[in-house]
Amino acid sequence: MKFIDKEFLGPFDLESEDKPVTSGIYILVNKNDKHYKPLYIGRSINIKNRLNNLFSHAQLAQSGMEGVIDSFFYFPIDKDNVEEMNQLEKELIRYYEPSLNMVRSRVDPQAIIRAREVERSSSRKSFWSLSILGFTLTIFSFLVSILISNDLYTPREKIQNQIITAINNGADLRAIKHIYVNREKTSGGILKPFVSDVNVYPYNVALSLILEDIRTNAYLEKGDKSILKNINKLIEDHTHINPFDRLESVQRDYFENIQIKLGEEYGRVSIEVNKLADELYNKNSLVEQYLKDSTTSFWVSVSALLFSILVSAYQLYNGRDARVKRIMLESYSESIGKTEQ
């Protein structure tokens, strides 16, 4: 009898001992059905062995006991032609849609392989996607750190050179203060995180600190030391006029009020007060540095948290369909057997 365009041998009684010891496709039918509508279609490398153990599967055993299936047809195919056997089985099932196959669908091993490949491909895509995501988040955090920081700077070498030139040309303290007040202001721009503190001053740097740096550099460098006399005179004059310029404005007001109220008596405690002002300046510097470090740590923590959340969410979402499909296929394959013997 022909099924599709293939001439199958049969029908044969399932209870017969004379079953074909060959490989190929078999079709289970009911002999009372004149049209021999396929109820189950399968393949095996040993049809006789397969049919003798046919009812070891619960669904087919129930069908056999109820007399639903009692006969079979078969089409021999060499066991080496696995691809032909698989293709013919699929075509027959797709064309006839046998009821028992629909209940107990076979799992194609190739489907599991394809599912695994899809999952691996998804994992590779996930790796590159996460890399791009991490890079984007890093850039975003970098830009945010720039935007939220309002620190201003002035180039160290430029302001020092301007003051040194003015001193060599005989400038007095008033001229030096004018240069200081009109010093260059810069935010550092996008390269701010890479700007070394050695190359810049904070914009609110005290004039006394700049003068002290120039004086110290003169001692460290070889050459003419003639500038020392003038720089020492400027430092002395500036300290006398504004001894607390390193302090914050509120702190400076307090110390200046003490100086005014003590009047002539201030000279007796001026050394101790100046030491106290210097100590307070050092504490201010430490607090400022601590706050900067805390701000940096805060945004690093926020960025790490956002990154971990995005990575976790992406891993849960991406590739879940391929993973679920692969797990279901493998589980179902184990339950019914990957091949039928």
C-alpha atoms as a PDB file:
ATOM      1  CA  MET A   1       0.000   0.000   0.000  1.00  0.00           C
ATOM      2  CA  LYS A   2       1.241   3.476  -0.810  1.00  0.00           C
ATOM      3  CA  PHE A   3       1.685   6.131   1.819  1.00  0.00           C
ATOM      4  CA  ILE A   4       2.485   9.441   0.145  1.00  0.00           C
ATOM      5  CA  ASP A   5       4.449   8.055  -2.820  1.00  0.00           C
ATOM      6  CA  LYS A   6       6.200   5.180  -1.054  1.00  0.00           C
ATOM      7  CA  GLU A   7       5.099   1.576  -1.435  1.00  0.00           C
ATOM      8  CA  PHE A   8       4.895   0.106   2.086  1.00  0.00           C
ATOM      9  CA  LEU A   9       4.796  -3.620   2.756  1.00  0.00           C
ATOM     10  CA  GLY A  10       1.846  -4.912   4.748  1.00  0.00           C
ATOM     11  CA  PRO A  11      -0.445  -4.972   6.494  1.00  0.00           C
ATOM     12  CA  PHE A  12       0.997  -7.448   9.009  1.00  0.00           C
ATOM     13  CA  ASP A  13      -0.421  -8.570  12.326  1.00  0.00           C
ATOM     14  CA  LEU A  14       1.358  -7.077  15.314  1.00  0.00           C
ATOM     15  CA  GLU A  15       1.062 -10.388  17.156  1.00  0.00           C
ATOM     16  CA  SER A  16       2.851 -12.249  14.379  1.00  0.00           C
ATOM     17  CA  GLU A  17       6.317 -13.567  15.188  1.00  0.00           C
ATOM     18  CA  ASP A  18       7.386 -13.146  11.573  1.00  0.00           C
ATOM     19  CA  LYS A  19       8.335  -9.491  11.756  1.00  0.00           C
ATOM     20  CA  PRO A  20      11.007  -7.964   9.480  1.00  0.00           C
ATOM     21  CA  VAL A  21      14.514  -7.782  10.910  1.00  0.00           C
ATOM     22  CA  THR A  22      15.405  -4.622   9.045  1.00  0.00           C
ATOM     23  CA  SER A  23      15.703  -0.908   9.515  1.00  0.00           C
ATOM     24  CA  GLY A  24      13.197   1.573   8.180  1.00  0.00           C
ATOM     25  CA  ILE A  25       9.844   3.242   8.770  1.00  0.00           C
ATOM     26  CA  TYR A  26       6.842   1.479  10.307  1.00  0.00           C
ATOM     27  CA  ILE A  27       3.209   2.607  10.400  1.00  0.00           C
ATOM     28  CA  LEU A  28       0.748   1.309  13.014  1.00  0.00           C
ATOM     29  CA  VAL A  29      -2.880   0.979  11.929  1.00  0.00           C
ATOM     30  CA  ASN A  30      -6.157  -0.700  12.811  1.00  0.00           C
ATOM     31  CA  LYS A  31      -6.971  -3.597  10.484  1.00  0.00           C
ATOM     32  CA  ASN A  32     -10.689  -2.842  10.661  1.00  0.00           C
ATOM     33  CA  ASP A  33     -10.027   0.536   9.052  1.00  0.00           C
ATOM     34  CA  LYS A  34     -10.427  -0.023   5.325  1.00  0.00           C
ATOM     35  CA  HIS A  35      -8.375   3.086   4.549  1.00  0.00           C
ATOM     36  CA  TYR A  36      -5.632   2.107   6.979  1.00  0.00           C
ATOM     37  CA  LYS A  37      -5.317   5.582   8.400  1.00  0.00           C
ATOM     38  CA  PRO A  38      -1.933   5.831  10.176  1.00  0.00           C
ATOM     39  CA  LEU A  39      -2.336   5.962  13.946  1.00  0.00           C
ATOM     40  CA  TYR A  40       1.359   6.037  14.734  1.00  0.00           C
ATOM     41  CA  ILE A  41       4.462   6.479  12.564  1.00  0.00           C
ATOM     42  CA  GLY A  42       7.950   5.641  13.763  1.00  0.00           C
ATOM     43  CA  ARG A  43      11.417   4.626  12.644  1.00  0.00           C
ATOM     44  CA  SER A  44      13.895   2.054  13.931  1.00  0.00           C
ATOM     45  CA  ILE A  45      17.151   0.352  13.035  1.00  0.00           C
ATOM     46  CA  ASN A  46      15.488  -2.958  13.973  1.00  0.00           C
ATOM     47  CA  ILE A  47      11.766  -2.952  13.250  1.00  0.00           C
ATOM     48  CA  LYS A  48      11.177  -6.425  14.706  1.00  0.00           C
ATOM     49  CA  ASN A  49      12.815  -5.591  18.016  1.00  0.00           C
ATOM     50  CA  ARG A  50      11.001  -2.290  18.153  1.00  0.00           C
ATOM     51  CA  LEU A  51       7.556  -3.793  17.481  1.00  0.00           C
ATOM     52  CA  ASN A  52       8.108  -6.623  19.958  1.00  0.00           C
ATOM     53  CA  ASN A  53       8.724  -4.014  22.649  1.00  0.00           C
ATOM     54  CA  LEU A  54       6.200  -1.575  21.307  1.00  0.00           C
ATOM     55  CA  PHE A  55       3.879  -1.623  24.288  1.00  0.00           C
ATOM     56  CA  SER A  56       6.597  -0.843  26.797  1.00  0.00           C
ATOM     57  CA  HIS A  57       5.546   2.781  26.318  1.00  0.00           C
ATOM     58  CA  ALA A  58       2.467   3.717  28.328  1.00  0.00           C
ATOM     59  CA  GLN A  59       0.566   5.524  25.574  1.00  0.00           C
ATOM     60  CA  LEU A  60       1.081   2.789  22.972  1.00  0.00           C
ATOM     61  CA  ALA A  61       0.478   0.010  25.506  1.00  0.00           C
ATOM     62  CA  GLN A  62      -2.946   1.434  26.332  1.00  0.00           C
ATOM     63  CA  SER A  63      -3.759   1.738  22.638  1.00  0.00           C
ATOM     64  CA  GLY A  64      -2.689  -1.852  22.030  1.00  0.00           C
ATOM     65  CA  MET A  65      -4.718  -3.262  24.931  1.00  0.00           C
ATOM     66  CA  GLU A  66      -7.792  -1.416  23.747  1.00  0.00           C
ATOM     67  CA  GLY A  67      -7.346  -2.848  20.261  1.00  0.00           C
ATOM     68  CA  VAL A  68      -6.766   0.526  18.673  1.00  0.00           C
ATOM     69  CA  ILE A  69      -3.590  -0.614  16.929  1.00  0.00           C
ATOM     70  CA  ASP A  70      -3.182  -4.201  15.833  1.00  0.00           C
ATOM     71  CA  SER A  71      -1.424  -4.100  12.437  1.00  0.00           C
ATOM     72  CA  PHE A  72       1.542  -2.459  10.799  1.00  0.00           C
ATOM     73  CA  PHE A  73       3.116  -1.537   7.483  1.00  0.00           C
ATOM     74  CA  TYR A  74       6.816  -0.972   6.978  1.00  0.00           C
ATOM     75  CA  PHE A  75       9.176   0.536   4.429  1.00  0.00           C
ATOM     76  CA  PRO A  76      12.763  -0.771   4.546  1.00  0.00           C
ATOM     77  CA  ILE A  77      15.577   1.789   4.504  1.00  0.00           C
ATOM     78  CA  ASP A  78      19.237   0.986   4.992  1.00  0.00           C
ATOM     79  CA  LYS A  79      20.332   1.921   8.510  1.00  0.00           C
ATOM     80  CA  ASP A  80      23.225   3.929   7.083  1.00  0.00           C
ATOM     81  CA  ASN A  81      20.753   6.289   5.392  1.00  0.00           C
ATOM     82  CA  VAL A  82      19.767   7.982   8.630  1.00  0.00           C
ATOM     83  CA  GLU A  83      18.981  11.285   6.946  1.00  0.00           C
ATOM     84  CA  GLU A  84      16.601   9.656   4.475  1.00  0.00           C
ATOM     85  CA  MET A  85      14.888   7.779   7.315  1.00  0.00           C
ATOM     86  CA  ASN A  86      14.441  10.943   9.372  1.00  0.00           C
ATOM     87  CA  GLN A  87      13.173  12.944   6.416  1.00  0.00           C
ATOM     88  CA  LEU A  88      10.611  10.338   5.378  1.00  0.00           C
ATOM     89  CA  GLU A  89       9.314   9.982   8.929  1.00  0.00           C
ATOM     90  CA  LYS A  90       8.836  13.752   9.218  1.00  0.00           C
ATOM     91  CA  GLU A  91       7.045  13.946   5.864  1.00  0.00           C
ATOM     92  CA  LEU A  92       4.682  11.120   6.794  1.00  0.00           C
ATOM     93  CA  ILE A  93       3.852  12.597  10.206  1.00  0.00           C
ATOM     94  CA  ARG A  94       3.339  16.044   8.703  1.00  0.00           C
ATOM     95  CA  TYR A  95       1.064  14.676   5.992  1.00  0.00           C
ATOM     96  CA  TYR A  96      -1.056  12.176   7.954  1.00  0.00           C
ATOM     97  CA  GLU A  97      -0.873  13.735  11.434  1.00  0.00           C
ATOM     98  CA  PRO A  98      -1.303  10.370  13.228  1.00  0.00           C
ATOM     99  CA  SER A  99      -3.154  10.809  16.500  1.00  0.00           C
ATOM    100  CA  LEU A 100      -0.671   8.909  18.687  1.00  0.00           C
ATOM    101  CA  ASN A 101       2.247  10.893  17.299  1.00  0.00           C
ATOM    102  CA  MET A 102       0.430  14.097  18.146  1.00  0.00           C
ATOM    103  CA  VAL A 103      -0.018  12.924  21.741  1.00  0.00           C
ATOM    104  CA  ARG A 104       3.486  11.561  22.014  1.00  0.00           C
ATOM    105  CA  SER A 105       5.510  13.732  19.642  1.00  0.00           C
ATOM    106  CA  ARG A 106       8.988  12.532  18.940  1.00  0.00           C
ATOM    107  CA  VAL A 107      11.867  14.811  19.796  1.00  0.00           C
ATOM    108  CA  ASP A 108      14.270  15.432  16.950  1.00  0.00           C
ATOM    109  CA  PRO A 109      17.848  15.271  18.328  1.00  0.00           C
ATOM    110  CA  GLN A 110      18.775  17.899  15.781  1.00  0.00           C
ATOM    111  CA  ALA A 111      16.295  20.236  17.440  1.00  0.00           C
ATOM    112  CA  ILE A 112      18.225  19.898  20.695  1.00  0.00           C
ATOM    113  CA  ILE A 113      21.489  20.589  18.876  1.00  0.00           C
ATOM    114  CA  ARG A 114      19.967  23.642  17.216  1.00  0.00           C
ATOM    115  CA  ALA A 115      18.589  24.831  20.557  1.00  0.00           C
ATOM    116  CA  ARG A 116      22.014  24.480  22.144  1.00  0.00           C
ATOM    117  CA  GLU A 117      23.606  26.397  19.279  1.00  0.00           C
ATOM    118  CA  VAL A 118      21.030  29.157  19.616  1.00  0.00           C
ATOM    119  CA  GLU A 119      21.770  29.325  23.344  1.00  0.00           C
ATOM    120  CA  ARG A 120      25.536  29.494  22.733  1.00  0.00           C
ATOM    121  CA  SER A 121      25.010  32.173  20.106  1.00  0.00           C
ATOM    122  CA  SER A 122      22.821  34.057  22.534  1.00  0.00           C
ATOM    123  CA  SER A 123      25.547  33.791  25.188  1.00  0.00           C
ATOM    124  CA  ARG A 124      28.135  35.195  22.770  1.00  0.00           C
ATOM    125  CA  LYS A 125      25.813  38.056  21.898  1.00  0.00           C
ATOM    126  CA  SER A 126      25.192  38.595  25.597  1.00  0.00           C
ATOM    127  CA  PHE A 127      28.934  38.883  26.232  1.00  0.00           C
ATOM    128  CA  TRP A 128      29.403  41.566  23.599  1.00  0.00           C
ATOM    129  CA  SER A 129      26.201  43.317  24.610  1.00  0.00           C
ATOM    130  CA  LEU A 130      27.329  43.375  28.241  1.00  0.00           C
ATOM    131  CA  SER A 131      30.732  44.693  27.190  1.00  0.00           C
ATOM    132  CA  ILE A 132      29.115  47.517  25.245  1.00  0.00           C
ATOM    133  CA  LEU A 133      26.724  48.128  28.125  1.00  0.00           C
ATOM    134  CA  GLY A 134      29.597  48.283  30.615  1.00  0.00           C
ATOM    135  CA  PHE A 135      31.555  50.665  28.393  1.00  0.00           C
ATOM    136  CA  THR A 136      28.500  52.890  27.937  1.00  0.00           C
ATOM    137  CA  LEU A 137      27.833  52.935  31.671  1.00  0.00           C
ATOM    138  CA  THR A 138      31.465  53.827  32.368  1.00  0.00           C
ATOM    139  CA  ILE A 139      31.298  56.753  29.940  1.00  0.00           C
ATOM    140  CA  PHE A 140      27.986  57.820  31.459  1.00  0.00           C
ATOM    141  CA  SER A 141      29.420  57.753  34.988  1.00  0.00           C
ATOM    142  CA  PHE A 142      32.463  59.641  33.797  1.00  0.00           C
ATOM    143  CA  LEU A 143      30.311  62.379  32.264  1.00  0.00           C
ATOM    144  CA  VAL A 144      28.094  62.564  35.342  1.00  0.00           C
ATOM    145  CA  SER A 145      31.127  62.989  37.592  1.00  0.00           C
ATOM    146  CA  ILE A 146      32.226  65.890  35.411  1.00  0.00           C
ATOM    147  CA  LEU A 147      28.808  67.534  35.402  1.00  0.00           C
ATOM    148  CA  ILE A 148      28.199  67.289  39.140  1.00  0.00           C
ATOM    149  CA  SER A 149      31.625  68.648  40.020  1.00  0.00           C
ATOM    150  CA  ASN A 150      31.913  72.423  40.004  1.00  0.00           C
ATOM    151  CA  ASP A 151      35.593  72.601  40.955  1.00  0.00           C
ATOM    152  CA  LEU A 152      37.558  75.402  39.316  1.00  0.00           C
ATOM    153  CA  TYR A 153      41.298  75.585  38.785  1.00  0.00           C
ATOM    154  CA  THR A 154      44.049  77.951  37.740  1.00  0.00           C
ATOM    155  CA  PRO A 155      47.219  76.794  35.932  1.00  0.00           C
ATOM    156  CA  ARG A 156      50.054  76.605  38.455  1.00  0.00           C
ATOM    157  CA  GLU A 157      52.963  77.357  36.127  1.00  0.00           C
ATOM    158  CA  LYS A 158      51.207  80.251  34.403  1.00  0.00           C
ATOM    159  CA  ILE A 159      50.306  82.174  37.567  1.00  0.00           C
ATOM    160  CA  GLN A 160      53.781  81.586  39.021  1.00  0.00           C
ATOM    161  CA  ASN A 161      55.509  82.821  35.853  1.00  0.00           C
ATOM    162  CA  GLN A 162      53.324  85.925  35.753  1.00  0.00           C
ATOM    163  CA  ILE A 163      54.163  86.809  39.370  1.00  0.00           C
ATOM    164  CA  ILE A 164      57.894  86.061  38.899  1.00  0.00           C
ATOM    165  CA  THR A 165      58.002  88.303  35.819  1.00  0.00           C
ATOM    166  CA  ALA A 166      56.241  91.070  37.716  1.00  0.00           C
ATOM    167  CA  ILE A 167      58.643  90.753  40.694  1.00  0.00           C
ATOM    168  CA  ASN A 168      61.686  90.875  38.416  1.00  0.00           C
ATOM    169  CA  ASN A 169      60.253  94.057  36.908  1.00  0.00           C
ATOM    170  CA  GLY A 170      59.939  95.656  40.354  1.00  0.00           C
ATOM    171  CA  ALA A 171      56.200  95.109  40.992  1.00  0.00           C
ATOM    172  CA  ASP A 172      54.847  95.919  44.442  1.00  0.00           C
ATOM    173  CA  LEU A 173      52.267  93.977  46.465  1.00  0.00           C
ATOM    174  CA  ARG A 174      49.386  95.898  44.882  1.00  0.00           C
ATOM    175  CA  ALA A 175      50.426  94.787  41.375  1.00  0.00           C
ATOM    176  CA  ILE A 176      50.893  91.205  42.534  1.00  0.00           C
ATOM    177  CA  LYS A 177      47.405  91.207  44.051  1.00  0.00           C
ATOM    178  CA  HIS A 178      45.995  92.521  40.770  1.00  0.00           C
ATOM    179  CA  ILE A 179      47.614  89.615  38.894  1.00  0.00           C
ATOM    180  CA  TYR A 180      46.241  87.231  41.505  1.00  0.00           C
ATOM    181  CA  VAL A 181      42.674  88.610  41.331  1.00  0.00           C
ATOM    182  CA  ASN A 182      42.663  88.343  37.510  1.00  0.00           C
ATOM    183  CA  ARG A 183      44.190  84.864  37.395  1.00  0.00           C
ATOM    184  CA  GLU A 184      42.945  82.403  34.772  1.00  0.00           C
ATOM    185  CA  LYS A 185      39.896  80.328  35.670  1.00  0.00           C
ATOM    186  CA  THR A 186      39.298  76.879  34.179  1.00  0.00           C
ATOM    187  CA  SER A 187      37.089  73.915  34.985  1.00  0.00           C
ATOM    188  CA  GLY A 188      39.430  71.417  33.352  1.00  0.00           C
ATOM    189  CA  GLY A 189      36.736  70.297  30.904  1.00  0.00           C
ATOM    190  CA  ILE A 190      36.384  66.654  29.955  1.00  0.00           C
ATOM    191  CA  LEU A 191      40.067  66.054  30.765  1.00  0.00           C
ATOM    192  CA  LYS A 192      39.642  67.283  34.332  1.00  0.00           C
ATOM    193  CA  PRO A 193      39.934  63.781  35.943  1.00  0.00           C
ATOM    194  CA  PHE A 194      43.311  63.375  34.223  1.00  0.00           C
ATOM    195  CA  VAL A 195      44.691  66.756  35.288  1.00  0.00           C
ATOM    196  CA  SER A 196      47.327  66.327  37.990  1.00  0.00           C
ATOM    197  CA  ASP A 197      47.175  68.522  41.086  1.00  0.00           C
ATOM    198  CA  VAL A 198      50.848  69.275  40.425  1.00  0.00           C
ATOM    199  CA  ASN A 199      49.878  71.279  37.346  1.00  0.00           C
ATOM    200  CA  VAL A 200      47.019  73.328  38.799  1.00  0.00           C
ATOM    201  CA  TYR A 201      45.943  75.233  41.873  1.00  0.00           C
ATOM    202  CA  PRO A 202      42.379  75.257  43.157  1.00  0.00           C
ATOM    203  CA  TYR A 203      40.934  78.557  41.977  1.00  0.00           C
ATOM    204  CA  ASN A 204      40.432  79.698  45.570  1.00  0.00           C
ATOM    205  CA  VAL A 205      44.124  79.192  46.357  1.00  0.00           C
ATOM    206  CA  ALA A 206      45.563  81.800  48.724  1.00  0.00           C
ATOM    207  CA  LEU A 207      48.067  84.296  47.359  1.00  0.00           C
ATOM    208  CA  SER A 208      50.372  83.525  50.275  1.00  0.00           C
ATOM    209  CA  LEU A 209      50.567  79.873  49.161  1.00  0.00           C
ATOM    210  CA  ILE A 210      51.580  80.872  45.617  1.00  0.00           C
ATOM    211  CA  LEU A 211      54.260  83.203  46.972  1.00  0.00           C
ATOM    212  CA  GLU A 212      55.587  80.475  49.287  1.00  0.00           C
ATOM    213  CA  ASP A 213      55.767  78.021  46.352  1.00  0.00           C
ATOM    214  CA  ILE A 214      57.748  80.532  44.283  1.00  0.00           C
ATOM    215  CA  ARG A 215      60.136  81.086  47.213  1.00  0.00           C
ATOM    216  CA  THR A 216      60.607  77.333  47.742  1.00  0.00           C
ATOM    217  CA  ASN A 217      61.215  76.688  44.025  1.00  0.00           C
ATOM    218  CA  ALA A 218      63.909  79.363  44.017  1.00  0.00           C
ATOM    219  CA  TYR A 219      65.797  77.401  46.664  1.00  0.00           C
ATOM    220  CA  LEU A 220      65.301  74.101  44.841  1.00  0.00           C
ATOM    221  CA  GLU A 221      66.552  75.362  41.481  1.00  0.00           C
ATOM    222  CA  LYS A 222      70.112  76.224  40.603  1.00  0.00           C
ATOM    223  CA  GLY A 223      70.894  79.682  39.318  1.00  0.00           C
ATOM    224  CA  ASP A 224      70.210  83.271  40.307  1.00  0.00           C
ATOM    225  CA  LYS A 225      68.732  83.702  43.782  1.00  0.00           C
ATOM    226  CA  SER A 226      68.229  87.465  43.502  1.00  0.00           C
ATOM    227  CA  ILE A 227      64.444  87.014  43.474  1.00  0.00           C
ATOM    228  CA  LEU A 228      64.516  85.765  47.077  1.00  0.00           C
ATOM    229  CA  LYS A 229      65.002  89.237  48.550  1.00  0.00           C
ATOM    230  CA  ASN A 230      61.978  90.630  46.735  1.00  0.00           C
ATOM    231  CA  ILE A 231      59.770  87.592  47.327  1.00  0.00           C
ATOM    232  CA  ASN A 232      60.571  87.590  51.062  1.00  0.00           C
ATOM    233  CA  LYS A 233      59.619  91.275  51.249  1.00  0.00           C
ATOM    234  CA  LEU A 234      56.299  90.584  49.472  1.00  0.00           C
ATOM    235  CA  ILE A 235      55.498  87.655  51.775  1.00  0.00           C
ATOM    236  CA  GLU A 236      56.263  89.763  54.842  1.00  0.00           C
ATOM    237  CA  ASP A 237      54.094  92.661  53.629  1.00  0.00           C
ATOM    238  CA  HIS A 238      51.247  90.370  52.628  1.00  0.00           C
ATOM    239  CA  THR A 239      51.346  88.504  55.966  1.00  0.00           C
ATOM    240  CA  HIS A 240      51.259  91.799  57.833  1.00  0.00           C
ATOM    241  CA  ILE A 241      48.295  93.125  55.833  1.00  0.00           C
ATOM    242  CA  ASN A 242      46.349  89.889  55.415  1.00  0.00           C
ATOM    243  CA  PRO A 243      47.700  87.189  57.736  1.00  0.00           C
ATOM    244  CA  PHE A 244      44.650  84.929  57.419  1.00  0.00           C
ATOM    245  CA  ASP A 245      44.120  84.802  53.652  1.00  0.00           C
ATOM    246  CA  ARG A 246      44.481  80.989  53.590  1.00  0.00           C
ATOM    247  CA  LEU A 247      41.356  80.538  55.680  1.00  0.00           C
ATOM    248  CA  GLU A 248      37.770  80.402  54.492  1.00  0.00           C
ATOM    249  CA  SER A 249      35.933  83.724  54.464  1.00  0.00           C
ATOM    250  CA  VAL A 250      33.940  83.111  57.676  1.00  0.00           C
ATOM    251  CA  GLN A 251      37.010  81.862  59.538  1.00  0.00           C
ATOM    252  CA  ARG A 252      39.036  84.788  58.249  1.00  0.00           C
ATOM    253  CA  ASP A 253      36.425  87.225  59.576  1.00  0.00           C
ATOM    254  CA  TYR A 254      36.678  85.699  63.058  1.00  0.00           C
ATOM    255  CA  PHE A 255      40.462  86.020  63.176  1.00  0.00           C
ATOM    256  CA  GLU A 256      40.424  89.551  61.806  1.00  0.00           C
ATOM    257  CA  ASN A 257      37.877  90.533  64.468  1.00  0.00           C
ATOM    258  CA  ILE A 258      40.215  89.146  67.135  1.00  0.00           C
ATOM    259  CA  GLN A 259      43.071  91.173  65.666  1.00  0.00           C
ATOM    260  CA  ILE A 260      40.989  94.369  65.654  1.00  0.00           C
ATOM    261  CA  LYS A 261      39.682  93.924  69.200  1.00  0.00           C
ATOM    262  CA  LEU A 262      43.111  93.196  70.660  1.00  0.00           C
ATOM    263  CA  GLY A 263      44.601  96.251  69.004  1.00  0.00           C
ATOM    264  CA  GLU A 264      48.150  96.875  70.196  1.00  0.00           C
ATOM    265  CA  GLU A 265      47.963  93.824  72.453  1.00  0.00           C
ATOM    266  CA  TYR A 266      47.668  91.561  69.379  1.00  0.00           C
ATOM    267  CA  GLY A 267      51.454  91.556  68.938  1.00  0.00           C
ATOM    268  CA  ARG A 268      51.817  89.551  72.154  1.00  0.00           C
ATOM    269  CA  VAL A 269      49.748  86.646  70.766  1.00  0.00           C
ATOM    270  CA  SER A 270      50.284  87.083  67.014  1.00  0.00           C
ATOM    271  CA  ILE A 271      52.672  84.132  66.726  1.00  0.00           C
ATOM    272  CA  GLU A 272      50.251  81.748  68.487  1.00  0.00           C
ATOM    273  CA  VAL A 273      47.291  83.056  66.472  1.00  0.00           C
ATOM    274  CA  ASN A 274      49.173  82.620  63.202  1.00  0.00           C
ATOM    275  CA  LYS A 275      50.080  79.050  64.189  1.00  0.00           C
ATOM    276  CA  LEU A 276      46.440  78.413  65.000  1.00  0.00           C
ATOM    277  CA  ALA A 277      45.424  79.819  61.615  1.00  0.00           C
ATOM    278  CA  ASP A 278      47.963  77.571  59.862  1.00  0.00           C
ATOM    279  CA  GLU A 279      46.682  74.532  61.752  1.00  0.00           C
ATOM    280  CA  LEU A 280      43.116  75.398  60.824  1.00  0.00           C
ATOM    281  CA  TYR A 281      44.137  75.758  57.183  1.00  0.00           C
ATOM    282  CA  ASN A 282      45.689  72.284  57.239  1.00  0.00           C
ATOM    283  CA  LYS A 283      42.503  70.849  58.750  1.00  0.00           C
ATOM    284  CA  ASN A 284      40.432  72.577  56.078  1.00  0.00           C
ATOM    285  CA  SER A 285      42.606  71.022  53.381  1.00  0.00           C
ATOM    286  CA  LEU A 286      42.148  67.542  54.863  1.00  0.00           C
ATOM    287  CA  VAL A 287      38.380  67.965  55.112  1.00  0.00           C
ATOM    288  CA  GLU A 288      38.186  69.186  51.517  1.00  0.00           C
ATOM    289  CA  GLN A 289      40.203  66.217  50.282  1.00  0.00           C
ATOM    290  CA  TYR A 290      38.046  63.844  52.320  1.00  0.00           C
ATOM    291  CA  LEU A 291      34.877  65.293  50.803  1.00  0.00           C
ATOM    292  CA  LYS A 292      36.280  64.907  47.291  1.00  0.00           C
ATOM    293  CA  ASP A 293      37.226  61.289  47.965  1.00  0.00           C
ATOM    294  CA  SER A 294      33.796  60.627  49.481  1.00  0.00           C
ATOM    295  CA  THR A 295      32.054  62.081  46.440  1.00  0.00           C
ATOM    296  CA  THR A 296      34.169  59.965  44.116  1.00  0.00           C
ATOM    297  CA  SER A 297      33.488  56.824  46.174  1.00  0.00           C
ATOM    298  CA  PHE A 298      29.776  57.594  46.190  1.00  0.00           C
ATOM    299  CA  TRP A 299      29.539  57.806  42.400  1.00  0.00           C
ATOM    300  CA  VAL A 300      31.716  54.739  41.961  1.00  0.00           C
ATOM    301  CA  SER A 301      29.315  52.832  44.247  1.00  0.00           C
ATOM    302  CA  VAL A 302      26.274  54.163  42.397  1.00  0.00           C
ATOM    303  CA  SER A 303      27.796  53.181  39.044  1.00  0.00           C
ATOM    304  CA  ALA A 304      28.663  49.696  40.328  1.00  0.00           C
ATOM    305  CA  LEU A 305      25.127  49.240  41.662  1.00  0.00           C
ATOM    306  CA  LEU A 306      23.548  50.350  38.391  1.00  0.00           C
ATOM    307  CA  PHE A 307      25.875  48.110  36.428  1.00  0.00           C
ATOM    308  CA  SER A 308      25.110  45.054  38.579  1.00  0.00           C
ATOM    309  CA  ILE A 309      21.359  45.680  38.280  1.00  0.00           C
ATOM    310  CA  LEU A 310      21.545  46.090  34.505  1.00  0.00           C
ATOM    311  CA  VAL A 311      23.738  43.001  34.112  1.00  0.00           C
ATOM    312  CA  SER A 312      21.415  40.870  36.246  1.00  0.00           C
ATOM    313  CA  ALA A 313      18.322  42.101  34.429  1.00  0.00           C
ATOM    314  CA  TYR A 314      19.944  41.566  31.038  1.00  0.00           C
ATOM    315  CA  GLN A 315      21.078  38.046  31.880  1.00  0.00           C
ATOM    316  CA  LEU A 316      17.613  37.117  33.121  1.00  0.00           C
ATOM    317  CA  TYR A 317      15.949  38.515  30.029  1.00  0.00           C
ATOM    318  CA  ASN A 318      18.375  37.750  27.231  1.00  0.00           C
ATOM    319  CA  GLY A 319      18.378  34.227  25.858  1.00  0.00           C
ATOM    320  CA  ARG A 320      15.741  32.902  28.244  1.00  0.00           C
ATOM    321  CA  ASP A 321      13.599  31.578  25.369  1.00  0.00           C
ATOM    322  CA  ALA A 322      16.493  29.577  23.910  1.00  0.00           C
ATOM    323  CA  ARG A 323      17.437  28.241  27.339  1.00  0.00           C
ATOM    324  CA  VAL A 324      13.885  27.190  28.196  1.00  0.00           C
ATOM    325  CA  LYS A 325      13.433  25.553  24.802  1.00  0.00           C
ATOM    326  CA  ARG A 326      16.675  23.604  25.154  1.00  0.00           C
ATOM    327  CA  ILE A 327      15.833  22.410  28.672  1.00  0.00           C
ATOM    328  CA  MET A 328      12.337  21.315  27.637  1.00  0.00           C
ATOM    329  CA  LEU A 329      13.651  19.459  24.595  1.00  0.00           C
ATOM    330  CA  GLU A 330      16.323  17.643  26.589  1.00  0.00           C
ATOM    331  CA  SER A 331      13.938  16.755  29.397  1.00  0.00           C
ATOM    332  CA  TYR A 332      11.335  15.440  27.001  1.00  0.00           C
ATOM    333  CA  SER A 333      13.955  13.575  25.016  1.00  0.00           C
ATOM    334  CA  GLU A 334      15.135  11.790  28.160  1.00  0.00           C
ATOM    335  CA  SER A 335      11.577  10.807  29.021  1.00  0.00           C
ATOM    336  CA  ILE A 336      10.827   9.056  25.742  1.00  0.00           C
ATOM    337  CA  GLY A 337      14.306   8.104  24.503  1.00  0.00           C
ATOM    338  CA  LYS A 338      16.342   9.894  21.893  1.00  0.00           C
ATOM    339  CA  THR A 339      16.133   7.024  19.421  1.00  0.00           C
ATOM    340  CA  GLU A 340      13.874   4.068  19.062  1.00  0.00           C
ATOM    341  CA  GLN A 341      15.521   0.684  18.898  1.00  0.00           C
END
